[in-house]
PDB file of N, CA and C in Angstrom:
ATOM      1  N   UNK A   1     158.545  57.480 101.167  1.00  0.00           N
ATOM      2  CA  UNK A   1     157.261  56.828 101.349  1.00  0.00           C
ATOM      3  C   UNK A   1     157.468  55.329 101.525  1.00  0.00           C
ATOM      4  N   UNK A   2     156.804  54.787 102.499  1.00  0.00           N
ATOM      5  CA  UNK A   2     156.812  53.351 102.709  1.00  0.00           C
ATOM      6  C   UNK A   2     155.605  52.763 101.999  1.00  0.00           C
ATOM      7  N   UNK A   3     155.867  51.822 101.109  1.00  0.00           N
ATOM      8  CA  UNK A   3     154.799  51.214 100.318  1.00  0.00           C
ATOM      9  C   UNK A   3     154.276  49.948 100.981  1.00  0.00           C
ATOM     10  N   UNK A   4     152.972  49.748 100.889  1.00  0.00           N
ATOM     11  CA  UNK A   4     152.390  48.491 101.342  1.00  0.00           C
ATOM     12  C   UNK A   4     152.737  47.427 100.295  1.00  0.00           C
ATOM     13  N   UNK A   5     152.598  46.160 100.632  1.00  0.00           N
ATOM     14  CA  UNK A   5     152.873  45.119  99.637  1.00  0.00           C
ATOM     15  C   UNK A   5     152.023  45.256  98.375  1.00  0.00           C
ATOM     16  N   UNK A   6     150.771  45.663  98.519  1.00  0.00           N
ATOM     17  CA  UNK A   6     149.896  45.822  97.350  1.00  0.00           C
ATOM     18  C   UNK A   6     150.354  47.013  96.506  1.00  0.00           C
ATOM     19  N   UNK A   7     150.679  48.131  97.155  1.00  0.00           N
ATOM     20  CA  UNK A   7     151.178  49.299  96.425  1.00  0.00           C
ATOM     21  C   UNK A   7     152.462  48.951  95.680  1.00  0.00           C
ATOM     22  N   UNK A   8     153.317  48.211  96.346  1.00  0.00           N
ATOM     23  CA  UNK A   8     154.588  47.801  95.743  1.00  0.00           C
ATOM     24  C   UNK A   8     154.340  46.944  94.496  1.00  0.00           C
ATOM     25  N   UNK A   9     153.421  45.992  94.593  1.00  0.00           N
ATOM     26  CA  UNK A   9     153.102  45.128  93.455  1.00  0.00           C
ATOM     27  C   UNK A   9     152.541  45.932  92.289  1.00  0.00           C
ATOM     28  N   UNK A  10     151.641  46.864  92.600  1.00  0.00           N
ATOM     29  CA  UNK A  10     151.049  47.696  91.552  1.00  0.00           C
ATOM     30  C   UNK A  10     152.127  48.563  90.907  1.00  0.00           C
ATOM     31  N   UNK A  11     152.968  49.180  91.723  1.00  0.00           N
ATOM     32  CA  UNK A  11     154.036  50.027  91.194  1.00  0.00           C
ATOM     33  C   UNK A  11     154.964  49.229  90.288  1.00  0.00           C
ATOM     34  N   UNK A  12     155.328  48.029  90.700  1.00  0.00           N
ATOM     35  CA  UNK A  12     156.231  47.204  89.899  1.00  0.00           C
ATOM     36  C   UNK A  12     155.591  46.722  88.597  1.00  0.00           C
ATOM     37  N   UNK A  13     154.274  46.664  88.549  1.00  0.00           N
ATOM     38  CA  UNK A  13     153.605  46.212  87.326  1.00  0.00           C
ATOM     39  C   UNK A  13     153.357  47.347  86.337  1.00  0.00           C
ATOM     40  N   UNK A  14     153.452  48.578  86.805  1.00  0.00           N
ATOM     41  CA  UNK A  14     153.221  49.728  85.932  1.00  0.00           C
ATOM     42  C   UNK A  14     154.421  50.010  85.041  1.00  0.00           C
ATOM     43  N   UNK A  15     154.141  50.638  83.905  1.00  0.00           N
ATOM     44  CA  UNK A  15     155.188  51.059  82.981  1.00  0.00           C
ATOM     45  C   UNK A  15     154.946  52.530  82.638  1.00  0.00           C
ATOM     46  N   UNK A  16     155.731  53.056  81.726  1.00  0.00           N
ATOM     47  CA  UNK A  16     155.519  54.436  81.285  1.00  0.00           C
ATOM     48  C   UNK A  16     154.492  54.504  80.162  1.00  0.00           C
ATOM     49  N   UNK A  17     153.945  53.365  79.753  1.00  0.00           N
ATOM     50  CA  UNK A  17     152.845  53.328  78.783  1.00  0.00           C
ATOM     51  C   UNK A  17     151.526  53.379  79.546  1.00  0.00           C
ATOM     52  N   UNK A  18     150.505  53.921  78.929  1.00  0.00           N
ATOM     53  CA  UNK A  18     149.195  54.007  79.575  1.00  0.00           C
ATOM     54  C   UNK A  18     148.611  52.611  79.762  1.00  0.00           C
ATOM     55  N   UNK A  19     148.112  52.341  80.973  1.00  0.00           N
ATOM     56  CA  UNK A  19     147.521  51.052  81.308  1.00  0.00           C
ATOM     57  C   UNK A  19     146.222  51.271  82.079  1.00  0.00           C
ATOM     58  N   UNK A  20     145.289  50.356  81.898  1.00  0.00           N
ATOM     59  CA  UNK A  20     144.040  50.396  82.659  1.00  0.00           C
ATOM     60  C   UNK A  20     144.184  49.518  83.902  1.00  0.00           C
ATOM     61  N   UNK A  21     143.332  49.726  84.898  1.00  0.00           N
ATOM     62  CA  UNK A  21     143.359  48.834  86.063  1.00  0.00           C
ATOM     63  C   UNK A  21     143.151  47.369  85.683  1.00  0.00           C
ATOM     64  N   UNK A  22     142.375  47.115  84.632  1.00  0.00           N
ATOM     65  CA  UNK A  22     142.150  45.730  84.181  1.00  0.00           C
ATOM     66  C   UNK A  22     143.461  45.116  83.696  1.00  0.00           C
ATOM     67  N   UNK A  23     144.248  45.878  82.938  1.00  0.00           N
ATOM     68  CA  UNK A  23     145.533  45.380  82.453  1.00  0.00           C
ATOM     69  C   UNK A  23     146.499  45.138  83.613  1.00  0.00           C
ATOM     70  N   UNK A  24     146.506  46.055  84.565  1.00  0.00           N
ATOM     71  CA  UNK A  24     147.395  45.912  85.726  1.00  0.00           C
ATOM     72  C   UNK A  24     146.988  44.691  86.546  1.00  0.00           C
ATOM     73  N   UNK A  25     145.688  44.541  86.773  1.00  0.00           N
ATOM     74  CA  UNK A  25     145.182  43.391  87.536  1.00  0.00           C
ATOM     75  C   UNK A  25     145.519  42.080  86.842  1.00  0.00           C
ATOM     76  N   UNK A  26     145.450  42.063  85.510  1.00  0.00           N
ATOM     77  CA  UNK A  26     145.792  40.843  84.770  1.00  0.00           C
ATOM     78  C   UNK A  26     147.254  40.470  84.984  1.00  0.00           C
ATOM     79  N   UNK A  27     148.125  41.469  85.041  1.00  0.00           N
ATOM     80  CA  UNK A  27     149.543  41.193  85.298  1.00  0.00           C
ATOM     81  C   UNK A  27     149.760  40.630  86.696  1.00  0.00           C
ATOM     82  N   UNK A  28     148.921  41.057  87.624  1.00  0.00           N
ATOM     83  CA  UNK A  28     149.046  40.625  89.018  1.00  0.00           C
ATOM     84  C   UNK A  28     148.173  39.413  89.347  1.00  0.00           C
ATOM     85  N   UNK A  29     147.399  38.958  88.373  1.00  0.00           N
ATOM     86  CA  UNK A  29     146.453  37.851  88.573  1.00  0.00           C
ATOM     87  C   UNK A  29     145.517  38.129  89.744  1.00  0.00           C
ATOM     88  N   UNK A  30     144.930  39.310  89.738  1.00  0.00           N
ATOM     89  CA  UNK A  30     144.006  39.701  90.798  1.00  0.00           C
ATOM     90  C   UNK A  30     142.798  40.396  90.183  1.00  0.00           C
ATOM     91  N   UNK A  31     141.855  40.754  91.019  1.00  0.00           N
ATOM     92  CA  UNK A  31     140.648  41.451  90.581  1.00  0.00           C
ATOM     93  C   UNK A  31     140.956  42.938  90.361  1.00  0.00           C
ATOM     94  N   UNK A  32     140.438  43.534  89.297  1.00  0.00           N
ATOM     95  CA  UNK A  32     140.705  44.958  89.038  1.00  0.00           C
ATOM     96  C   UNK A  32     140.320  45.882  90.194  1.00  0.00           C
ATOM     97  N   UNK A  33     139.295  45.531  90.945  1.00  0.00           N
ATOM     98  CA  UNK A  33     138.888  46.379  92.068  1.00  0.00           C
ATOM     99  C   UNK A  33     139.970  46.456  93.148  1.00  0.00           C
ATOM    100  N   UNK A  34     140.854  45.472  93.186  1.00  0.00           N
ATOM    101  CA  UNK A  34     141.915  45.455  94.192  1.00  0.00           C
ATOM    102  C   UNK A  34     143.091  46.367  93.855  1.00  0.00           C
ATOM    103  N   UNK A  35     143.149  46.863  92.629  1.00  0.00           N
ATOM    104  CA  UNK A  35     144.251  47.765  92.265  1.00  0.00           C
ATOM    105  C   UNK A  35     143.821  49.231  92.268  1.00  0.00           C
ATOM    106  N   UNK A  36     142.527  49.501  92.356  1.00  0.00           N
ATOM    107  CA  UNK A  36     142.057  50.885  92.297  1.00  0.00           C
ATOM    108  C   UNK A  36     142.560  51.737  93.458  1.00  0.00           C
ATOM    109  N   UNK A  37     142.431  51.260  94.679  1.00  0.00           N
ATOM    110  CA  UNK A  37     142.869  52.048  95.832  1.00  0.00           C
ATOM    111  C   UNK A  37     144.380  52.257  95.830  1.00  0.00           C
ATOM    112  N   UNK A  38     145.192  51.219  95.603  1.00  0.00           N
ATOM    113  CA  UNK A  38     146.637  51.458  95.525  1.00  0.00           C
ATOM    114  C   UNK A  38     147.009  52.453  94.423  1.00  0.00           C
ATOM    115  N   UNK A  39     146.304  52.417  93.303  1.00  0.00           N
ATOM    116  CA  UNK A  39     146.571  53.384  92.229  1.00  0.00           C
ATOM    117  C   UNK A  39     146.290  54.809  92.706  1.00  0.00           C
ATOM    118  N   UNK A  40     145.194  55.001  93.415  1.00  0.00           N
ATOM    119  CA  UNK A  40     144.856  56.326  93.941  1.00  0.00           C
ATOM    120  C   UNK A  40     145.915  56.809  94.924  1.00  0.00           C
ATOM    121  N   UNK A  41     146.403  55.897  95.768  1.00  0.00           N
ATOM    122  CA  UNK A  41     147.427  56.260  96.740  1.00  0.00           C
ATOM    123  C   UNK A  41     148.741  56.617  96.046  1.00  0.00           C
ATOM    124  N   UNK A  42     149.127  55.834  95.031  1.00  0.00           N
ATOM    125  CA  UNK A  42     150.341  56.127  94.275  1.00  0.00           C
ATOM    126  C   UNK A  42     150.190  57.434  93.498  1.00  0.00           C
ATOM    127  N   UNK A  43     148.992  57.710  93.037  1.00  0.00           N
ATOM    128  CA  UNK A  43     148.700  58.956  92.338  1.00  0.00           C
ATOM    129  C   UNK A  43     148.892  60.145  93.274  1.00  0.00           C
ATOM    130  N   UNK A  44     148.413  60.022  94.500  1.00  0.00           N
ATOM    131  CA  UNK A  44     148.536  61.125  95.463  1.00  0.00           C
ATOM    132  C   UNK A  44     149.991  61.367  95.873  1.00  0.00           C
ATOM    133  N   UNK A  45     150.831  60.352  95.746  1.00  0.00           N
ATOM    134  CA  UNK A  45     152.257  60.485  96.069  1.00  0.00           C
ATOM    135  C   UNK A  45     153.077  60.983  94.881  1.00  0.00           C
ATOM    136  N   UNK A  46     152.430  61.119  93.725  1.00  0.00           N
ATOM    137  CA  UNK A  46     153.132  61.606  92.546  1.00  0.00           C
ATOM    138  C   UNK A  46     153.934  60.542  91.812  1.00  0.00           C
ATOM    139  N   UNK A  47     153.688  59.277  92.121  1.00  0.00           N
ATOM    140  CA  UNK A  47     154.408  58.179  91.479  1.00  0.00           C
ATOM    141  C   UNK A  47     153.714  57.714  90.201  1.00  0.00           C
ATOM    142  N   UNK A  48     152.425  58.026  90.096  1.00  0.00           N
ATOM    143  CA  UNK A  48     151.599  57.607  88.980  1.00  0.00           C
ATOM    144  C   UNK A  48     150.825  58.822  88.487  1.00  0.00           C
ATOM    145  N   UNK A  49     150.531  58.854  87.204  1.00  0.00           N
ATOM    146  CA  UNK A  49     149.689  59.910  86.668  1.00  0.00           C
ATOM    147  C   UNK A  49     148.569  59.305  85.855  1.00  0.00           C
ATOM    148  N   UNK A  50     147.513  60.072  85.693  1.00  0.00           N
ATOM    149  CA  UNK A  50     146.373  59.670  84.892  1.00  0.00           C
ATOM    150  C   UNK A  50     146.158  60.721  83.816  1.00  0.00           C
ATOM    151  N   UNK A  51     145.474  60.350  82.766  1.00  0.00           N
ATOM    152  CA  UNK A  51     145.218  61.287  81.684  1.00  0.00           C
ATOM    153  C   UNK A  51     143.747  61.663  81.645  1.00  0.00           C
ATOM    154  N   UNK A  52     143.444  62.943  81.449  1.00  0.00           N
ATOM    155  CA  UNK A  52     142.034  63.329  81.330  1.00  0.00           C
ATOM    156  C   UNK A  52     141.443  62.955  79.966  1.00  0.00           C
ATOM    157  N   UNK A  53     142.287  62.597  79.022  1.00  0.00           N
ATOM    158  CA  UNK A  53     141.826  62.270  77.673  1.00  0.00           C
ATOM    159  C   UNK A  53     141.127  60.912  77.649  1.00  0.00           C
ATOM    160  N   UNK A  54     141.767  59.920  78.251  1.00  0.00           N
ATOM    161  CA  UNK A  54     141.197  58.568  78.324  1.00  0.00           C
ATOM    162  C   UNK A  54     141.065  58.227  79.803  1.00  0.00           C
ATOM    163  N   UNK A  55     139.865  58.361  80.326  1.00  0.00           N
ATOM    164  CA  UNK A  55     139.649  58.137  81.760  1.00  0.00           C
ATOM    165  C   UNK A  55     140.016  56.710  82.152  1.00  0.00           C
ATOM    166  N   UNK A  56     140.607  56.587  83.335  1.00  0.00           N
ATOM    167  CA  UNK A  56     140.928  55.267  83.857  1.00  0.00           C
ATOM    168  C   UNK A  56     142.193  54.658  83.304  1.00  0.00           C
ATOM    169  N   UNK A  57     143.112  55.487  82.820  1.00  0.00           N
ATOM    170  CA  UNK A  57     144.409  54.973  82.383  1.00  0.00           C
ATOM    171  C   UNK A  57     145.498  55.614  83.227  1.00  0.00           C
ATOM    172  N   UNK A  58     146.504  54.827  83.532  1.00  0.00           N
ATOM    173  CA  UNK A  58     147.571  55.249  84.433  1.00  0.00           C
ATOM    174  C   UNK A  58     148.924  54.887  83.839  1.00  0.00           C
ATOM    175  N   UNK A  59     149.951  55.648  84.258  1.00  0.00           N
ATOM    176  CA  UNK A  59     151.326  55.309  83.915  1.00  0.00           C
ATOM    177  C   UNK A  59     152.241  55.897  84.972  1.00  0.00           C
ATOM    178  N   UNK A  60     153.476  55.418  84.971  1.00  0.00           N
ATOM    179  CA  UNK A  60     154.467  55.918  85.908  1.00  0.00           C
ATOM    180  C   UNK A  60     154.891  57.333  85.552  1.00  0.00           C
ATOM    181  N   UNK A  61     155.146  58.135  86.561  1.00  0.00           N
ATOM    182  CA  UNK A  61     155.789  59.424  86.364  1.00  0.00           C
ATOM    183  C   UNK A  61     157.291  59.176  86.420  1.00  0.00           C
ATOM    184  N   UNK A  62     158.086  60.192  86.202  1.00  0.00           N
ATOM    185  CA  UNK A  62     159.539  60.010  86.320  1.00  0.00           C
ATOM    186  C   UNK A  62     159.903  59.648  87.758  1.00  0.00           C
ATOM    187  N   UNK A  63     159.201  60.230  88.717  1.00  0.00           N
ATOM    188  CA  UNK A  63     159.419  59.883  90.133  1.00  0.00           C
ATOM    189  C   UNK A  63     159.044  58.416  90.384  1.00  0.00           C
ATOM    190  N   UNK A  64     157.953  57.972  89.779  1.00  0.00           N
ATOM    191  CA  UNK A  64     157.521  56.592  89.922  1.00  0.00           C
ATOM    192  C   UNK A  64     158.479  55.617  89.270  1.00  0.00           C
ATOM    193  N   UNK A  65     159.018  55.994  88.105  1.00  0.00           N
ATOM    194  CA  UNK A  65     160.000  55.141  87.423  1.00  0.00           C
ATOM    195  C   UNK A  65     161.259  55.008  88.266  1.00  0.00           C
ATOM    196  N   UNK A  66     161.667  56.095  88.910  1.00  0.00           N
ATOM    197  CA  UNK A  66     162.846  56.044  89.778  1.00  0.00           C
ATOM    198  C   UNK A  66     162.575  55.157  91.002  1.00  0.00           C
ATOM    199  N   UNK A  67     161.383  55.267  91.560  1.00  0.00           N
ATOM    200  CA  UNK A  67     161.010  54.431  92.712  1.00  0.00           C
ATOM    201  C   UNK A  67     160.970  52.956  92.313  1.00  0.00           C
ATOM    202  N   UNK A  68     160.463  52.679  91.120  1.00  0.00           N
ATOM    203  CA  UNK A  68     160.422  51.303  90.619  1.00  0.00           C
ATOM    204  C   UNK A  68     161.832  50.770  90.450  1.00  0.00           C
ATOM    205  N   UNK A  69     162.714  51.565  89.877  1.00  0.00           N
ATOM    206  CA  UNK A  69     164.110  51.156  89.691  1.00  0.00           C
ATOM    207  C   UNK A  69     164.771  50.866  91.039  1.00  0.00           C
ATOM    208  N   UNK A  70     164.488  51.693  92.041  1.00  0.00           N
ATOM    209  CA  UNK A  70     165.024  51.472  93.391  1.00  0.00           C
ATOM    210  C   UNK A  70     164.533  50.146  93.952  1.00  0.00           C
ATOM    211  N   UNK A  71     163.234  49.866  93.782  1.00  0.00           N
ATOM    212  CA  UNK A  71     162.680  48.611  94.275  1.00  0.00           C
ATOM    213  C   UNK A  71     163.288  47.401  93.577  1.00  0.00           C
ATOM    214  N   UNK A  72     163.516  47.518  92.293  1.00  0.00           N
ATOM    215  CA  UNK A  72     164.092  46.414  91.532  1.00  0.00           C
ATOM    216  C   UNK A  72     165.557  46.164  91.883  1.00  0.00           C
ATOM    217  N   UNK A  73     166.232  47.194  92.356  1.00  0.00           N
ATOM    218  CA  UNK A  73     167.648  47.035  92.694  1.00  0.00           C
ATOM    219  C   UNK A  73     167.863  46.521  94.114  1.00  0.00           C
ATOM    220  N   UNK A  74     166.785  46.426  94.893  1.00  0.00           N
ATOM    221  CA  UNK A  74     166.908  45.928  96.286  1.00  0.00           C
ATOM    222  C   UNK A  74     167.259  44.459  96.312  1.00  0.00           C
TER     223      UNK A  74
END
């Protein structure tokens, strides 16, 4: 998968701990509405997961963690 610059930034800001779009946006110094679409796209690629227990929280999957590691090693 080829990531857009925004998707790449969101992916690099995510961890394996549950995070809200507000927390992710704060790390990126952007508006939370700007991370929602990239999160949905990363979710559809299997790089990010959400929990039905606490709506609106996201974290990296093992595939996403591997993709993040690849990006960091570039």
